[in-house]
Amino acid sequence: MPVLNSLFKRDSKQVKANVEIYTWQTCPYCIRAKLLLWWKGVSYTEYKIDGDGAARVKMADRANGRRSVPQIFINNQHIGGCDDLYQLNSEAKLDPLLAQPAA
């Protein structure tokens, strides 16, 4: 795996942001979002909320009522779900967010 990491994973030195993601373990969108974050070299805090109603309520409170997973936050700013994360990346807006240090 170290060879694969060096070939595909980006250097994490540019990532200064605090990234949090709420997930379910078997959710394909969660896996896809984490894969993009991994590829960009992002260390993130993952909240696995499988079957935890209280955690889901907390997530929804933070995510403006959104209850689907994943829900992603960068520097405490709600980014949205997997599709939103990939859209930010395709618009070249994700890297600048990740480069901002947490306040």
N, C-alpha and C. Protein backbone atom coordinates (compact mmCIF):
# COMPACT_ATOMS: atom_id res chain seq x y z
N MET A 1 0.80 -1.21 0.00
CA MET A 1 0.00 0.00 0.00
C MET A 1 0.85 1.28 0.00
N PRO A 2 2.06 1.33 0.60
CA PRO A 2 2.83 2.56 0.56
C PRO A 2 3.12 3.03 -0.86
N VAL A 3 3.34 2.09 -1.79
CA VAL A 3 3.58 2.48 -3.17
C VAL A 3 2.33 3.12 -3.76
N LEU A 4 1.17 2.53 -3.50
CA LEU A 4 -0.07 3.11 -3.98
C LEU A 4 -0.31 4.48 -3.38
N ASN A 5 -0.04 4.62 -2.08
CA ASN A 5 -0.21 5.93 -1.44
C ASN A 5 0.65 6.98 -2.12
N SER A 6 1.88 6.66 -2.43
CA SER A 6 2.76 7.65 -3.05
C SER A 6 2.35 7.96 -4.48
N LEU A 7 1.70 7.01 -5.15
CA LEU A 7 1.27 7.24 -6.52
C LEU A 7 -0.03 8.03 -6.60
N PHE A 8 -0.94 7.80 -5.68
CA PHE A 8 -2.28 8.34 -5.82
C PHE A 8 -2.66 9.38 -4.77
N LYS A 9 -2.18 9.25 -3.57
CA LYS A 9 -2.59 10.16 -2.50
C LYS A 9 -1.77 11.44 -2.58
N ARG A 10 -2.46 12.54 -2.47
CA ARG A 10 -1.78 13.84 -2.51
C ARG A 10 -1.11 14.15 -1.18
N ASP A 11 -0.18 15.06 -1.22
CA ASP A 11 0.54 15.48 -0.02
C ASP A 11 -0.39 16.29 0.87
N SER A 12 -0.44 15.95 2.12
CA SER A 12 -1.37 16.61 3.05
C SER A 12 -0.82 17.91 3.64
N LYS A 13 0.35 18.34 3.22
CA LYS A 13 0.93 19.56 3.79
C LYS A 13 0.09 20.80 3.49
N GLN A 14 -0.68 20.78 2.41
CA GLN A 14 -1.50 21.93 2.04
C GLN A 14 -2.82 21.97 2.82
N VAL A 15 -3.17 20.88 3.49
CA VAL A 15 -4.44 20.80 4.20
C VAL A 15 -4.26 21.29 5.63
N LYS A 16 -4.93 22.39 5.94
CA LYS A 16 -4.84 22.97 7.28
C LYS A 16 -6.21 23.02 7.95
N ALA A 17 -7.25 22.75 7.21
CA ALA A 17 -8.62 22.87 7.71
C ALA A 17 -8.98 21.72 8.64
N ASN A 18 -9.95 21.99 9.49
CA ASN A 18 -10.55 20.98 10.34
C ASN A 18 -11.75 20.41 9.57
N VAL A 19 -11.71 19.12 9.24
CA VAL A 19 -12.77 18.50 8.45
C VAL A 19 -13.47 17.45 9.31
N GLU A 20 -14.81 17.51 9.30
CA GLU A 20 -15.62 16.55 10.03
C GLU A 20 -16.63 15.95 9.06
N ILE A 21 -16.91 14.66 9.22
CA ILE A 21 -17.87 13.98 8.35
C ILE A 21 -18.70 13.01 9.17
N TYR A 22 -20.01 13.13 9.02
CA TYR A 22 -20.96 12.21 9.64
C TYR A 22 -21.26 11.11 8.63
N THR A 23 -21.15 9.85 9.05
CA THR A 23 -21.30 8.73 8.13
C THR A 23 -22.10 7.58 8.70
N TRP A 24 -22.50 6.69 7.82
CA TRP A 24 -22.93 5.34 8.15
C TRP A 24 -21.90 4.43 7.53
N GLN A 25 -21.58 3.36 8.17
CA GLN A 25 -20.48 2.49 7.76
C GLN A 25 -20.66 1.93 6.35
N THR A 26 -21.87 1.53 5.97
CA THR A 26 -22.06 0.88 4.68
C THR A 26 -22.62 1.81 3.60
N CYS A 27 -22.70 3.08 3.87
CA CYS A 27 -23.25 4.05 2.93
C CYS A 27 -22.27 4.29 1.77
N PRO A 28 -22.68 4.00 0.52
CA PRO A 28 -21.75 4.18 -0.60
C PRO A 28 -21.34 5.64 -0.82
N TYR A 29 -22.24 6.58 -0.52
CA TYR A 29 -21.90 8.00 -0.67
C TYR A 29 -20.87 8.43 0.38
N CYS A 30 -20.99 7.87 1.58
CA CYS A 30 -20.02 8.15 2.64
C CYS A 30 -18.64 7.62 2.23
N ILE A 31 -18.62 6.42 1.71
CA ILE A 31 -17.36 5.82 1.28
C ILE A 31 -16.74 6.65 0.16
N ARG A 32 -17.56 7.09 -0.78
CA ARG A 32 -17.07 7.90 -1.90
C ARG A 32 -16.52 9.25 -1.41
N ALA A 33 -17.21 9.88 -0.48
CA ALA A 33 -16.74 11.17 0.06
C ALA A 33 -15.42 10.99 0.81
N LYS A 34 -15.33 9.94 1.62
CA LYS A 34 -14.09 9.68 2.37
C LYS A 34 -12.94 9.37 1.41
N LEU A 35 -13.24 8.71 0.30
CA LEU A 35 -12.20 8.40 -0.68
C LEU A 35 -11.62 9.68 -1.28
N LEU A 36 -12.47 10.65 -1.61
CA LEU A 36 -11.96 11.92 -2.14
C LEU A 36 -11.12 12.64 -1.09
N LEU A 37 -11.61 12.66 0.15
CA LEU A 37 -10.83 13.31 1.21
C LEU A 37 -9.49 12.60 1.41
N TRP A 38 -9.50 11.27 1.40
CA TRP A 38 -8.25 10.51 1.53
C TRP A 38 -7.30 10.85 0.38
N TRP A 39 -7.84 10.89 -0.83
CA TRP A 39 -7.00 11.16 -2.00
C TRP A 39 -6.36 12.53 -1.92
N LYS A 40 -7.05 13.46 -1.31
CA LYS A 40 -6.50 14.81 -1.15
C LYS A 40 -5.59 14.92 0.07
N GLY A 41 -5.42 13.85 0.82
CA GLY A 41 -4.53 13.87 1.97
C GLY A 41 -5.14 14.49 3.20
N VAL A 42 -6.46 14.50 3.28
CA VAL A 42 -7.16 15.14 4.39
C VAL A 42 -7.29 14.17 5.57
N SER A 43 -6.86 14.62 6.73
CA SER A 43 -7.17 13.92 7.97
C SER A 43 -8.48 14.51 8.46
N TYR A 44 -9.43 13.65 8.77
CA TYR A 44 -10.75 14.15 9.15
C TYR A 44 -11.24 13.41 10.38
N THR A 45 -12.20 14.06 11.05
CA THR A 45 -12.87 13.43 12.17
C THR A 45 -14.15 12.82 11.62
N GLU A 46 -14.31 11.52 11.85
CA GLU A 46 -15.49 10.82 11.36
C GLU A 46 -16.40 10.48 12.53
N TYR A 47 -17.68 10.82 12.36
CA TYR A 47 -18.70 10.46 13.34
C TYR A 47 -19.57 9.39 12.69
N LYS A 48 -19.40 8.16 13.13
CA LYS A 48 -20.21 7.05 12.61
C LYS A 48 -21.50 7.02 13.41
N ILE A 49 -22.61 7.33 12.74
CA ILE A 49 -23.87 7.49 13.46
C ILE A 49 -24.85 6.35 13.17
N ASP A 50 -24.38 5.22 12.72
CA ASP A 50 -25.24 4.06 12.44
C ASP A 50 -26.14 3.77 13.64
N GLY A 51 -27.45 3.89 13.46
CA GLY A 51 -28.39 3.52 14.51
C GLY A 51 -28.40 4.41 15.73
N ASP A 52 -27.71 5.54 15.70
CA ASP A 52 -27.64 6.44 16.85
C ASP A 52 -28.52 7.66 16.58
N GLY A 53 -29.76 7.59 17.05
CA GLY A 53 -30.72 8.66 16.80
C GLY A 53 -30.30 10.01 17.34
N ALA A 54 -29.69 10.03 18.52
CA ALA A 54 -29.26 11.29 19.13
C ALA A 54 -28.15 11.93 18.29
N ALA A 55 -27.24 11.12 17.79
CA ALA A 55 -26.16 11.66 16.94
C ALA A 55 -26.73 12.19 15.63
N ARG A 56 -27.75 11.51 15.10
CA ARG A 56 -28.36 11.97 13.85
C ARG A 56 -29.07 13.31 14.05
N VAL A 57 -29.72 13.49 15.21
CA VAL A 57 -30.36 14.76 15.53
C VAL A 57 -29.31 15.86 15.63
N LYS A 58 -28.19 15.58 16.30
CA LYS A 58 -27.11 16.57 16.41
C LYS A 58 -26.58 16.94 15.03
N MET A 59 -26.39 15.92 14.17
CA MET A 59 -25.92 16.18 12.81
C MET A 59 -26.91 17.07 12.07
N ALA A 60 -28.19 16.74 12.16
CA ALA A 60 -29.22 17.51 11.46
C ALA A 60 -29.27 18.95 11.96
N ASP A 61 -29.08 19.14 13.26
CA ASP A 61 -29.04 20.51 13.82
C ASP A 61 -27.89 21.30 13.18
N ARG A 62 -26.75 20.67 13.05
CA ARG A 62 -25.59 21.35 12.46
C ARG A 62 -25.75 21.55 10.95
N ALA A 63 -26.49 20.62 10.30
CA ALA A 63 -26.58 20.59 8.83
C ALA A 63 -27.87 21.24 8.33
N ASN A 64 -28.37 22.20 9.05
CA ASN A 64 -29.56 22.94 8.62
C ASN A 64 -30.74 22.02 8.31
N GLY A 65 -30.90 20.99 9.12
CA GLY A 65 -32.03 20.07 8.98
C GLY A 65 -31.80 18.88 8.07
N ARG A 66 -30.69 18.84 7.37
CA ARG A 66 -30.42 17.71 6.48
C ARG A 66 -30.11 16.47 7.32
N ARG A 67 -30.80 15.36 6.99
CA ARG A 67 -30.66 14.13 7.77
C ARG A 67 -29.98 13.01 7.00
N SER A 68 -29.66 13.24 5.74
CA SER A 68 -28.99 12.21 4.95
C SER A 68 -27.50 12.21 5.26
N VAL A 69 -26.86 11.08 5.01
CA VAL A 69 -25.41 10.99 5.20
C VAL A 69 -24.76 10.78 3.84
N PRO A 70 -23.54 11.24 3.69
CA PRO A 70 -22.74 11.97 4.68
C PRO A 70 -23.14 13.44 4.77
N GLN A 71 -22.77 14.04 5.87
CA GLN A 71 -22.81 15.49 6.03
C GLN A 71 -21.40 15.91 6.39
N ILE A 72 -20.89 16.89 5.66
CA ILE A 72 -19.48 17.26 5.74
C ILE A 72 -19.36 18.71 6.18
N PHE A 73 -18.40 18.95 7.07
CA PHE A 73 -18.13 20.28 7.59
C PHE A 73 -16.64 20.57 7.43
N ILE A 74 -16.33 21.75 6.93
CA ILE A 74 -14.94 22.20 6.83
C ILE A 74 -14.83 23.48 7.65
N ASN A 75 -13.97 23.45 8.66
CA ASN A 75 -13.82 24.57 9.59
C ASN A 75 -15.19 25.01 10.13
N ASN A 76 -15.99 24.02 10.51
CA ASN A 76 -17.31 24.23 11.10
C ASN A 76 -18.33 24.82 10.14
N GLN A 77 -17.98 24.92 8.86
CA GLN A 77 -18.90 25.39 7.83
C GLN A 77 -19.52 24.17 7.17
N HIS A 78 -20.84 24.13 7.09
CA HIS A 78 -21.54 23.01 6.47
C HIS A 78 -21.30 23.04 4.95
N ILE A 79 -20.72 21.96 4.44
CA ILE A 79 -20.43 21.84 3.01
C ILE A 79 -21.59 21.14 2.31
N GLY A 80 -22.18 20.16 2.97
CA GLY A 80 -23.26 19.37 2.38
C GLY A 80 -22.87 17.91 2.37
N GLY A 81 -23.36 17.21 1.35
CA GLY A 81 -23.11 15.78 1.24
C GLY A 81 -22.04 15.46 0.22
N CYS A 82 -22.04 14.22 -0.20
CA CYS A 82 -21.03 13.73 -1.14
C CYS A 82 -21.05 14.49 -2.46
N ASP A 83 -22.24 14.64 -3.04
CA ASP A 83 -22.33 15.34 -4.32
C ASP A 83 -21.85 16.78 -4.20
N ASP A 84 -22.17 17.42 -3.08
CA ASP A 84 -21.72 18.80 -2.86
C ASP A 84 -20.20 18.87 -2.77
N LEU A 85 -19.59 17.89 -2.09
CA LEU A 85 -18.14 17.84 -1.97
C LEU A 85 -17.48 17.68 -3.34
N TYR A 86 -18.01 16.76 -4.14
CA TYR A 86 -17.45 16.54 -5.48
C TYR A 86 -17.68 17.75 -6.38
N GLN A 87 -18.79 18.44 -6.21
CA GLN A 87 -19.03 19.64 -7.01
C GLN A 87 -18.02 20.74 -6.66
N LEU A 88 -17.78 20.93 -5.36
CA LEU A 88 -16.75 21.90 -4.95
C LEU A 88 -15.41 21.55 -5.57
N ASN A 89 -15.09 20.26 -5.58
CA ASN A 89 -13.83 19.83 -6.16
C ASN A 89 -13.78 20.10 -7.66
N SER A 90 -14.86 19.80 -8.37
CA SER A 90 -14.87 20.01 -9.83
C SER A 90 -14.83 21.49 -10.19
N GLU A 91 -15.29 22.35 -9.29
CA GLU A 91 -15.25 23.80 -9.52
C GLU A 91 -13.97 24.43 -8.98
N ALA A 92 -13.03 23.61 -8.54
CA ALA A 92 -11.74 24.06 -7.99
C ALA A 92 -11.93 24.95 -6.76
N LYS A 93 -12.98 24.69 -5.98
CA LYS A 93 -13.24 25.46 -4.76
C LYS A 93 -12.90 24.68 -3.50
N LEU A 94 -12.67 23.38 -3.63
CA LEU A 94 -12.41 22.56 -2.44
C LEU A 94 -11.01 22.80 -1.89
N ASP A 95 -10.00 22.79 -2.73
CA ASP A 95 -8.62 22.96 -2.25
C ASP A 95 -8.42 24.26 -1.47
N PRO A 96 -8.97 25.40 -1.95
CA PRO A 96 -8.82 26.62 -1.14
C PRO A 96 -9.48 26.50 0.24
N LEU A 97 -10.62 25.82 0.32
CA LEU A 97 -11.25 25.62 1.63
C LEU A 97 -10.38 24.78 2.54
N LEU A 98 -9.79 23.73 1.97
CA LEU A 98 -8.94 22.83 2.75
C LEU A 98 -7.64 23.50 3.19
N ALA A 99 -7.20 24.51 2.47
CA ALA A 99 -5.95 25.20 2.79
C ALA A 99 -6.11 26.22 3.91
N GLN A 100 -7.35 26.57 4.24
CA GLN A 100 -7.59 27.56 5.30
C GLN A 100 -7.44 26.90 6.67
N PRO A 101 -6.63 27.48 7.52
CA PRO A 101 -6.49 26.91 8.88
C PRO A 101 -7.78 27.08 9.68
N ALA A 102 -8.00 26.16 10.57
CA ALA A 102 -9.17 26.26 11.46
C ALA A 102 -9.03 27.46 12.34
N ALA A 103 -10.14 28.13 12.58
CA ALA A 103 -10.12 29.35 13.41
C ALA A 103 -10.02 29.01 14.87
